[in-house]
C-alpha atoms as a PDB file:
ATOM      1  CA  UNK A   1       0.000   0.000   0.000  1.00  0.00           C
ATOM      2  CA  UNK A   2       2.797   2.416   0.744  1.00  0.00           C
ATOM      3  CA  UNK A   3       4.376   1.912  -2.691  1.00  0.00           C
ATOM      4  CA  UNK A   4       0.996   2.475  -4.328  1.00  0.00           C
ATOM      5  CA  UNK A   5       0.454   5.612  -2.253  1.00  0.00           C
ATOM      6  CA  UNK A   6       3.861   6.928  -3.265  1.00  0.00           C
ATOM      7  CA  UNK A   7       3.277   6.172  -6.956  1.00  0.00           C
ATOM      8  CA  UNK A   8      -0.329   7.344  -7.221  1.00  0.00           C
ATOM      9  CA  UNK A   9      -0.450   9.947  -4.460  1.00  0.00           C
ATOM     10  CA  UNK A  10      -3.647   8.557  -2.911  1.00  0.00           C
ATOM     11  CA  UNK A  11      -4.466   6.418   0.090  1.00  0.00           C
ATOM     12  CA  UNK A  12      -7.258   3.846   0.518  1.00  0.00           C
ATOM     13  CA  UNK A  13     -10.422   4.961   2.300  1.00  0.00           C
ATOM     14  CA  UNK A  14     -11.441   1.407   3.251  1.00  0.00           C
ATOM     15  CA  UNK A  15      -9.798  -2.009   3.494  1.00  0.00           C
ATOM     16  CA  UNK A  16     -11.394  -5.441   3.339  1.00  0.00           C
ATOM     17  CA  UNK A  17      -9.870  -8.891   3.607  1.00  0.00           C
ATOM     18  CA  UNK A  18      -9.139  -9.000  -0.114  1.00  0.00           C
ATOM     19  CA  UNK A  19      -9.861  -5.495  -1.445  1.00  0.00           C
ATOM     20  CA  UNK A  20      -8.953  -1.836  -1.042  1.00  0.00           C
ATOM     21  CA  UNK A  21     -11.256   1.079  -1.819  1.00  0.00           C
ATOM     22  CA  UNK A  22      -9.730   4.254  -3.247  1.00  0.00           C
ATOM     23  CA  UNK A  23     -11.449   7.571  -3.976  1.00  0.00           C
ATOM     24  CA  UNK A  24     -11.877   8.328  -7.679  1.00  0.00           C
ATOM     25  CA  UNK A  25     -11.972  11.860  -9.125  1.00  0.00           C
ATOM     26  CA  UNK A  26     -14.493  10.757 -11.772  1.00  0.00           C
ATOM     27  CA  UNK A  27     -17.437   8.393 -12.187  1.00  0.00           C
ATOM     28  CA  UNK A  28     -15.367   5.558 -13.661  1.00  0.00           C
ATOM     29  CA  UNK A  29     -12.915   3.355 -11.748  1.00  0.00           C
ATOM     30  CA  UNK A  30     -10.515   3.958 -14.628  1.00  0.00           C
ATOM     31  CA  UNK A  31     -10.306   7.640 -13.623  1.00  0.00           C
ATOM     32  CA  UNK A  32      -8.338   6.614 -10.552  1.00  0.00           C
ATOM     33  CA  UNK A  33      -5.584   4.668 -12.312  1.00  0.00           C
ATOM     34  CA  UNK A  34      -2.182   6.363 -12.469  1.00  0.00           C
ATOM     35  CA  UNK A  35      -1.268   7.320 -16.039  1.00  0.00           C
ATOM     36  CA  UNK A  36       1.982   7.580 -17.959  1.00  0.00           C
ATOM     37  CA  UNK A  37       3.125  10.782 -19.666  1.00  0.00           C
ATOM     38  CA  UNK A  38       1.371   9.540 -22.836  1.00  0.00           C
ATOM     39  CA  UNK A  39      -1.966   9.304 -20.993  1.00  0.00           C
ATOM     40  CA  UNK A  40      -2.128   5.497 -20.862  1.00  0.00           C
ATOM     41  CA  UNK A  41      -2.727   3.628 -17.582  1.00  0.00           C
ATOM     42  CA  UNK A  42       0.594   2.764 -15.925  1.00  0.00           C
ATOM     43  CA  UNK A  43       1.301  -0.946 -16.283  1.00  0.00           C
ATOM     44  CA  UNK A  44       1.564  -3.011 -13.132  1.00  0.00           C
ATOM     45  CA  UNK A  45      -0.014  -0.410 -10.859  1.00  0.00           C
ATOM     46  CA  UNK A  46      -3.535  -1.787 -10.368  1.00  0.00           C
ATOM     47  CA  UNK A  47      -5.724  -4.562 -11.617  1.00  0.00           C
ATOM     48  CA  UNK A  48      -9.467  -4.048 -11.679  1.00  0.00           C
ATOM     49  CA  UNK A  49     -11.773  -6.971 -11.023  1.00  0.00           C
ATOM     50  CA  UNK A  50     -10.975 -10.499 -10.011  1.00  0.00           C
END
């Protein structure tokens, strides 16, 4: 979690046994993902879903 917080600049607002909940600036979960300089989601940062 600390590496994710350092890379993305956000912290989880809730933790479950197998999930973390992060605030999103937009209506889509994809709005939260950290992006590269080209605007693409950064690889290896998060995986959505199962």
